[in-house]
N, C-alpha and C. Protein backbone atom coordinates (compact mmCIF):
# COMPACT_ATOMS: atom_id res chain seq x y z
N MET A 1 0.94 -1.36 -0.01
CA MET A 1 0.06 -0.13 -0.04
C MET A 1 1.03 1.20 -0.14
N ASN A 2 0.58 2.19 -1.14
CA ASN A 2 1.49 3.22 -1.04
C ASN A 2 1.34 4.19 -0.05
N ARG A 3 2.14 5.25 0.57
CA ARG A 3 1.97 6.21 1.39
C ARG A 3 0.47 7.14 1.46
N LYS A 4 0.32 7.62 0.26
CA LYS A 4 -0.75 8.35 0.16
C LYS A 4 -2.17 7.56 0.57
N LEU A 5 -2.29 6.43 0.15
CA LEU A 5 -3.63 5.72 0.17
C LEU A 5 -3.37 5.26 1.99
N ARG A 6 -2.27 4.90 2.69
CA ARG A 6 -1.99 4.59 3.86
C ARG A 6 -2.66 6.12 4.48
N ASP A 7 -2.26 7.20 4.52
CA ASP A 7 -2.34 8.39 5.28
C ASP A 7 -3.87 8.70 5.07
N ARG A 8 -4.48 8.51 3.88
CA ARG A 8 -5.71 8.91 3.98
C ARG A 8 -6.92 7.87 4.65
N HIS A 9 -6.30 6.66 5.04
CA HIS A 9 -7.24 6.06 5.63
C HIS A 9 -6.67 6.12 7.36
N MET A 10 -5.60 6.74 7.70
CA MET A 10 -5.32 6.57 8.78
C MET A 10 -5.95 7.94 9.84
N VAL A 11 -6.46 7.74 10.91
CA VAL A 11 -7.18 8.33 11.71
C VAL A 11 -6.02 9.04 13.23
N ARG A 12 -5.76 10.58 12.70
CA ARG A 12 -4.95 10.85 13.73
C ARG A 12 -5.66 11.78 14.50
N LYS A 13 -5.18 11.94 15.73
CA LYS A 13 -5.92 12.30 17.14
C LYS A 13 -4.67 12.68 17.91
N SER A 14 -4.89 14.17 18.62
CA SER A 14 -3.94 14.61 19.59
C SER A 14 -4.70 14.43 20.94
N ALA A 15 -3.76 14.06 22.11
CA ALA A 15 -4.27 14.06 23.32
C ALA A 15 -5.44 14.99 23.59
N LYS A 16 -4.98 16.16 23.13
CA LYS A 16 -6.36 17.21 23.92
C LYS A 16 -7.63 17.09 23.32
N ASN A 17 -7.71 15.98 21.78
CA ASN A 17 -8.64 16.03 21.25
C ASN A 17 -9.61 14.84 21.52
N ILE A 18 -8.87 13.76 22.50
CA ILE A 18 -9.55 12.65 23.14
C ILE A 18 -10.44 12.81 24.43
N ARG A 19 -11.84 12.52 24.44
CA ARG A 19 -12.78 12.76 25.80
C ARG A 19 -11.99 12.02 26.90
N ARG A 20 -11.79 12.76 27.92
CA ARG A 20 -11.45 12.55 29.16
C ARG A 20 -12.84 11.60 29.85
N THR A 21 -12.15 10.36 30.72
CA THR A 21 -12.99 9.71 31.50
C THR A 21 -13.68 10.16 32.52
N THR A 22 -14.76 10.26 32.88
CA THR A 22 -15.43 10.82 33.45
C THR A 22 -15.18 9.87 34.99
N THR A 23 -15.38 10.58 36.38
CA THR A 23 -15.20 10.14 37.53
C THR A 23 -16.24 9.02 37.80
N ALA A 24 -17.39 9.26 37.27
CA ALA A 24 -18.71 8.14 37.33
C ALA A 24 -17.94 6.83 36.24
N GLU A 25 -17.69 7.12 35.27
CA GLU A 25 -17.06 5.86 34.40
C GLU A 25 -16.09 5.00 35.31
N LEU A 26 -14.70 5.53 35.69
CA LEU A 26 -13.67 5.39 36.48
C LEU A 26 -14.28 4.30 37.98
N ALA A 27 -15.42 5.08 38.39
CA ALA A 27 -15.87 4.25 39.74
C ALA A 27 -16.35 3.13 39.41
N ARG A 28 -17.45 3.20 38.12
CA ARG A 28 -17.98 2.03 37.84
C ARG A 28 -16.93 1.06 37.36
N LEU A 29 -16.05 0.69 36.62
CA LEU A 29 -14.94 0.14 36.26
C LEU A 29 -14.33 -0.31 37.66
N ALA A 30 -14.02 0.72 38.56
CA ALA A 30 -13.52 -0.11 39.73
C ALA A 30 -14.39 -0.82 40.71
N SER A 31 -15.48 -0.36 40.25
CA SER A 31 -16.51 -1.29 41.37
C SER A 31 -16.56 -2.98 40.50
N ARG A 32 -16.79 -2.66 39.29
CA ARG A 32 -16.73 -3.85 38.54
C ARG A 32 -15.46 -5.04 38.73
N ALA A 33 -14.27 -4.45 39.01
CA ALA A 33 -13.04 -5.13 38.85
C ALA A 33 -13.03 -5.93 40.04
N ASP A 34 -13.82 -6.07 41.39
CA ASP A 34 -13.73 -7.20 42.60
C ASP A 34 -15.06 -8.31 42.10
N GLU A 35 -15.39 -8.10 41.11
CA GLU A 35 -16.89 -9.19 40.92
C GLU A 35 -16.21 -10.13 40.29
N PRO A 36 -17.01 -11.50 40.87
CA PRO A 36 -16.35 -12.79 40.04
C PRO A 36 -16.47 -12.77 38.95
N VAL A 37 -15.46 -13.47 37.98
CA VAL A 37 -16.03 -13.46 36.48
C VAL A 37 -16.37 -15.01 36.35
N ASP A 38 -17.67 -14.89 35.21
CA ASP A 38 -18.11 -15.92 34.94
C ASP A 38 -17.31 -16.55 33.66
N THR A 39 -17.18 -17.71 33.90
CA THR A 39 -16.26 -18.63 32.87
C THR A 39 -17.37 -19.65 32.25
N SER A 40 -18.24 -19.73 32.68
CA SER A 40 -19.19 -20.85 32.11
C SER A 40 -19.07 -20.91 30.80
N ASP A 41 -19.22 -20.06 29.95
CA ASP A 41 -18.98 -20.12 28.47
C ASP A 41 -17.94 -20.59 27.86
N ILE A 42 -16.58 -20.54 28.47
CA ILE A 42 -15.30 -21.04 28.05
C ILE A 42 -15.49 -22.47 28.04
N PRO A 43 -14.97 -23.06 26.77
CA PRO A 43 -14.98 -24.50 26.72
C PRO A 43 -13.84 -25.14 27.55
N GLU A 44 -14.21 -26.06 28.18
CA GLU A 44 -13.13 -27.12 28.75
C GLU A 44 -12.27 -27.67 27.53
N ARG A 45 -10.89 -27.64 27.79
CA ARG A 45 -10.05 -28.32 26.91
C ARG A 45 -10.23 -29.50 26.85
N VAL A 46 -10.31 -30.23 26.07
CA VAL A 46 -10.47 -31.65 25.72
C VAL A 46 -9.02 -32.30 25.07
N GLY A 47 -9.01 -33.53 25.28
CA GLY A 47 -7.98 -34.03 24.43
C GLY A 47 -6.36 -34.03 25.40
N PRO A 48 -5.26 -34.27 24.67
CA PRO A 48 -4.23 -34.46 25.24
C PRO A 48 -3.55 -33.01 25.41
N CYS A 49 -2.83 -32.32 26.28
CA CYS A 49 -2.28 -30.98 26.55
C CYS A 49 -1.15 -31.19 26.45
N ASN A 50 -0.50 -30.18 25.98
CA ASN A 50 0.91 -30.59 25.82
C ASN A 50 1.40 -29.40 27.13
N ARG A 51 1.40 -29.78 28.52
CA ARG A 51 1.92 -29.05 29.38
C ARG A 51 3.48 -28.82 29.29
N VAL A 52 4.06 -27.95 29.67
CA VAL A 52 5.64 -27.79 29.93
C VAL A 52 5.89 -28.32 31.34
N VAL A 53 6.65 -29.18 31.10
CA VAL A 53 7.42 -30.17 32.88
C VAL A 53 8.26 -29.34 32.62
N ARG A 54 8.43 -29.00 34.44
CA ARG A 54 9.64 -28.72 34.95
C ARG A 54 10.01 -29.37 35.94
N GLU A 55 11.69 -29.15 36.03
CA GLU A 55 12.19 -29.82 37.22
C GLU A 55 11.81 -29.24 38.87
N VAL A 56 12.17 -29.51 39.68
CA VAL A 56 12.02 -29.15 40.79
C VAL A 56 12.53 -27.68 40.83
N ASP A 57 13.58 -27.32 40.54
CA ASP A 57 14.45 -26.13 40.29
C ASP A 57 14.01 -25.30 39.58
N GLY A 58 12.78 -25.77 38.72
CA GLY A 58 12.17 -24.76 37.62
C GLY A 58 12.34 -24.79 36.45
N ARG A 59 13.59 -25.51 36.23
CA ARG A 59 14.11 -25.71 34.83
C ARG A 59 13.14 -26.45 33.86
N ILE A 60 12.67 -26.23 32.46
CA ILE A 60 12.12 -27.12 31.78
C ILE A 60 12.89 -28.28 30.93
N VAL A 61 12.21 -29.31 31.33
CA VAL A 61 12.51 -30.68 31.00
C VAL A 61 12.14 -30.65 29.35
N LYS A 62 13.76 -31.24 28.91
CA LYS A 62 13.17 -31.15 27.29
C LYS A 62 12.86 -32.66 27.10
N PRO A 63 11.94 -32.62 26.13
CA PRO A 63 11.71 -34.23 25.72
C PRO A 63 12.50 -35.19 25.28
N ARG A 64 12.55 -36.15 24.79
CA ARG A 64 13.58 -37.10 24.40
C ARG A 64 13.87 -36.69 23.15
N GLU A 65 14.75 -37.05 22.51
CA GLU A 65 15.00 -36.57 21.27
C GLU A 65 14.33 -37.60 20.10
N SER A 66 13.38 -37.59 19.22
CA SER A 66 13.00 -38.38 18.40
C SER A 66 13.73 -39.08 17.37
N PRO A 67 13.47 -40.43 17.13
CA PRO A 67 14.54 -41.04 16.59
C PRO A 67 14.28 -40.47 14.95
N LEU A 68 13.05 -40.38 14.66
CA LEU A 68 12.77 -39.90 12.91
C LEU A 68 13.30 -38.88 12.85
N ARG A 69 13.00 -37.61 13.74
CA ARG A 69 13.59 -36.48 13.79
C ARG A 69 15.23 -36.43 13.42
N ALA A 70 15.77 -37.25 14.04
CA ALA A 70 17.09 -37.30 14.15
C ALA A 70 17.61 -38.13 12.96
N ALA A 71 16.96 -39.08 12.26
CA ALA A 71 17.07 -39.73 11.10
C ALA A 71 16.82 -38.61 9.76
N ILE A 72 15.80 -37.87 10.29
CA ILE A 72 15.62 -36.91 8.96
C ILE A 72 16.86 -35.90 8.89
N LEU A 73 17.08 -35.55 10.04
CA LEU A 73 18.26 -34.22 10.29
C LEU A 73 19.27 -35.01 9.65
N ALA A 74 19.83 -36.23 10.13
CA ALA A 74 21.19 -36.84 9.43
C ALA A 74 21.24 -36.88 8.09
N GLU A 75 19.93 -37.23 7.49
CA GLU A 75 19.61 -37.17 6.20
C GLU A 75 19.90 -35.64 5.27
N ILE A 76 19.36 -34.79 6.12
CA ILE A 76 19.33 -33.57 5.67
C ILE A 76 20.87 -32.90 5.56
N ASN A 77 21.63 -33.29 6.48
CA ASN A 77 23.26 -32.86 6.56
C ASN A 77 23.63 -34.07 5.64
N ARG A 78 23.47 -35.01 5.37
CA ARG A 78 24.12 -35.84 4.53
C ARG A 78 24.16 -35.56 3.29
N ARG A 79 22.61 -35.10 2.31
CA ARG A 79 22.74 -34.52 1.08
C ARG A 79 22.84 -32.88 1.15
N GLY A 80 23.01 -32.17 2.17
CA GLY A 80 23.17 -30.81 2.20
C GLY A 80 21.83 -30.19 1.53
N ILE A 81 21.02 -30.40 1.61
CA ILE A 81 19.73 -29.63 1.55
C ILE A 81 19.13 -28.67 2.73
N SER A 82 18.49 -28.01 2.04
CA SER A 82 17.77 -26.79 2.98
C SER A 82 16.47 -27.24 3.60
N GLY A 83 15.93 -26.68 4.71
CA GLY A 83 14.31 -26.91 5.09
C GLY A 83 13.21 -26.77 4.06
N HIS A 84 13.63 -25.68 3.20
CA HIS A 84 12.71 -25.16 2.25
C HIS A 84 12.81 -26.43 1.08
N ARG A 85 13.97 -26.76 0.80
CA ARG A 85 13.99 -27.71 -0.36
C ARG A 85 13.18 -29.26 0.36
N LEU A 86 13.21 -29.29 1.08
CA LEU A 86 12.77 -30.57 2.13
C LEU A 86 11.04 -30.36 1.76
N TRP A 87 10.74 -28.99 2.08
CA TRP A 87 9.48 -28.53 2.51
C TRP A 87 8.77 -28.92 0.79
N LYS A 88 9.50 -28.45 -0.22
CA LYS A 88 8.88 -28.62 -1.52
C LYS A 88 8.98 -30.07 -2.08
N GLU A 89 9.86 -30.80 -1.67
CA GLU A 89 10.11 -32.11 -1.97
C GLU A 89 9.04 -33.05 -1.35
N ALA A 90 8.40 -33.00 -0.09
CA ALA A 90 7.13 -33.24 0.67
C ALA A 90 5.86 -32.92 0.29
N ARG A 91 5.68 -31.74 -0.49
CA ARG A 91 4.67 -31.10 -1.27
C ARG A 91 4.22 -32.15 -2.21
N VAL A 92 4.97 -33.00 -2.80
CA VAL A 92 4.78 -34.04 -3.92
C VAL A 92 3.81 -35.12 -3.67
N TYR A 93 4.25 -35.46 -1.90
CA TYR A 93 3.54 -36.25 -1.56
C TYR A 93 2.37 -36.00 -0.60
N CYS A 94 2.32 -34.73 -0.16
CA CYS A 94 1.26 -33.82 0.79
C CYS A 94 1.33 -32.65 0.43
N ASP A 95 0.23 -32.32 -0.57
CA ASP A 95 0.12 -30.88 -0.80
C ASP A 95 -0.45 -29.72 0.10
N THR A 96 -0.69 -30.51 1.28
CA THR A 96 -1.42 -29.60 2.34
C THR A 96 -0.44 -29.36 3.17
N ILE A 97 0.94 -29.89 3.27
CA ILE A 97 2.04 -29.74 4.12
C ILE A 97 2.48 -28.29 4.39
N PRO A 98 2.20 -27.65 5.50
CA PRO A 98 2.71 -26.07 5.58
C PRO A 98 4.18 -25.90 5.80
N GLU A 99 4.95 -24.88 5.31
CA GLU A 99 6.36 -24.79 5.34
C GLU A 99 6.68 -24.51 6.76
N SER A 100 5.88 -23.98 7.50
CA SER A 100 6.40 -23.51 9.00
C SER A 100 6.52 -25.04 9.76
N ALA A 101 5.32 -26.00 9.59
CA ALA A 101 5.40 -27.29 9.83
C ALA A 101 6.62 -28.18 9.97
N VAL A 102 7.36 -28.27 8.87
CA VAL A 102 8.47 -28.81 8.50
C VAL A 102 9.78 -27.73 9.34
N TYR A 103 9.91 -26.70 9.24
CA TYR A 103 10.84 -25.88 10.03
C TYR A 103 10.58 -26.32 11.25
N GLU A 104 9.28 -26.22 12.05
CA GLU A 104 9.22 -26.49 13.29
C GLU A 104 9.62 -27.37 14.02
N PHE A 105 9.30 -28.84 13.07
CA PHE A 105 9.32 -29.87 13.15
C PHE A 105 10.95 -30.62 13.47
N LEU A 106 11.45 -29.99 12.29
CA LEU A 106 12.84 -30.22 12.29
C LEU A 106 13.75 -29.44 13.66
N ALA A 107 13.27 -28.16 13.80
CA ALA A 107 13.85 -27.57 14.86
C ALA A 107 13.45 -28.13 16.50
N GLY A 108 12.73 -28.98 16.66
CA GLY A 108 11.98 -29.70 17.70
C GLY A 108 11.17 -28.92 18.30
N LYS A 109 10.28 -27.74 17.79
CA LYS A 109 9.51 -27.03 18.43
C LYS A 109 7.72 -27.84 18.21
N ARG A 110 7.89 -28.57 17.60
CA ARG A 110 6.45 -28.78 16.99
C ARG A 110 6.66 -30.42 16.61
N GLN A 111 5.29 -31.14 16.88
CA GLN A 111 4.91 -32.49 16.96
C GLN A 111 4.05 -32.36 15.24
N ILE A 112 4.24 -33.21 14.23
CA ILE A 112 3.33 -33.16 13.27
C ILE A 112 2.62 -34.32 12.96
N GLY A 113 1.63 -34.57 12.22
CA GLY A 113 1.07 -35.61 12.19
C GLY A 113 1.46 -36.52 11.30
N LEU A 114 0.61 -37.76 11.11
CA LEU A 114 1.39 -38.81 10.13
C LEU A 114 1.37 -38.77 8.87
N ALA A 115 0.40 -38.06 8.40
CA ALA A 115 0.26 -37.89 6.85
C ALA A 115 1.77 -36.75 6.45
N TYR A 116 1.84 -35.77 7.41
CA TYR A 116 3.14 -35.13 7.12
C TYR A 116 4.30 -35.77 7.15
N LEU A 117 4.55 -36.43 8.54
CA LEU A 117 5.59 -37.33 8.57
C LEU A 117 6.24 -38.21 7.42
N ASP A 118 4.70 -38.69 7.11
CA ASP A 118 5.12 -39.77 6.18
C ASP A 118 5.47 -39.18 4.46
N ALA A 119 4.76 -37.84 4.33
CA ALA A 119 5.64 -37.27 2.97
C ALA A 119 6.82 -36.44 3.15
N ILE A 120 7.25 -36.30 4.27
CA ILE A 120 8.64 -36.02 4.76
C ILE A 120 9.76 -37.21 4.39
N LEU A 121 9.27 -38.40 4.96
CA LEU A 121 9.89 -39.54 4.83
C LEU A 121 9.81 -40.02 3.54
N GLU A 122 9.02 -39.96 2.51
CA GLU A 122 8.83 -39.92 1.39
C GLU A 122 9.90 -39.34 0.60
N ALA A 123 9.73 -37.97 1.02
CA ALA A 123 10.77 -37.00 0.03
C ALA A 123 12.09 -37.06 0.35
N MET A 124 12.43 -37.85 1.36
CA MET A 124 14.03 -38.24 1.93
C MET A 124 14.35 -39.72 1.77
N ASP A 125 13.23 -40.08 1.23
CA ASP A 125 13.53 -41.69 0.75
C ASP A 125 14.27 -42.51 1.81
N LEU A 126 13.44 -42.42 2.76
CA LEU A 126 13.68 -43.09 4.35
C LEU A 126 12.50 -44.02 4.50
N THR A 127 12.69 -45.03 5.29
CA THR A 127 11.51 -46.16 5.45
C THR A 127 11.91 -46.28 7.31
N VAL A 128 10.94 -46.59 7.90
CA VAL A 128 10.85 -46.94 9.00
C VAL A 128 10.84 -48.45 9.47
N SER A 129 11.60 -48.89 9.92
CA SER A 129 11.71 -50.46 10.34
C SER A 129 12.03 -50.65 11.86
N PRO A 130 11.66 -51.51 12.13
CA PRO A 130 11.98 -52.15 13.46
C PRO A 130 13.18 -52.38 13.87
N ARG A 131 13.74 -52.22 15.29
CA ARG A 131 14.99 -52.53 15.20
C ARG A 131 15.66 -54.00 15.65
């Protein structure tokens, strides 16, 4: 968006043009701050929750390294390809896989579903077999 178009839609007000809050409005807000909050309309979380696990001293416990992620990272390093290239190759097998999912999975910040993992494994020509 160019500057002229952006400036035409921007509303500018100085502090002296803003209406001051009345004492009645402030008193109403202060009296409502102590009232209990009704949370009955907020749905409860269902399904597995990914809670952060901490040690006794407060440090976050890192989850175990995934052997699948480690194998994919080893193959990426062996081939010398980027995460973007992996994503482009995985899209051949699953066209809905987001690029962010691939990057976050490789960084260990996200878990991905079976369809996305299968697409990445197919793109890297890796197979899963029991030990």
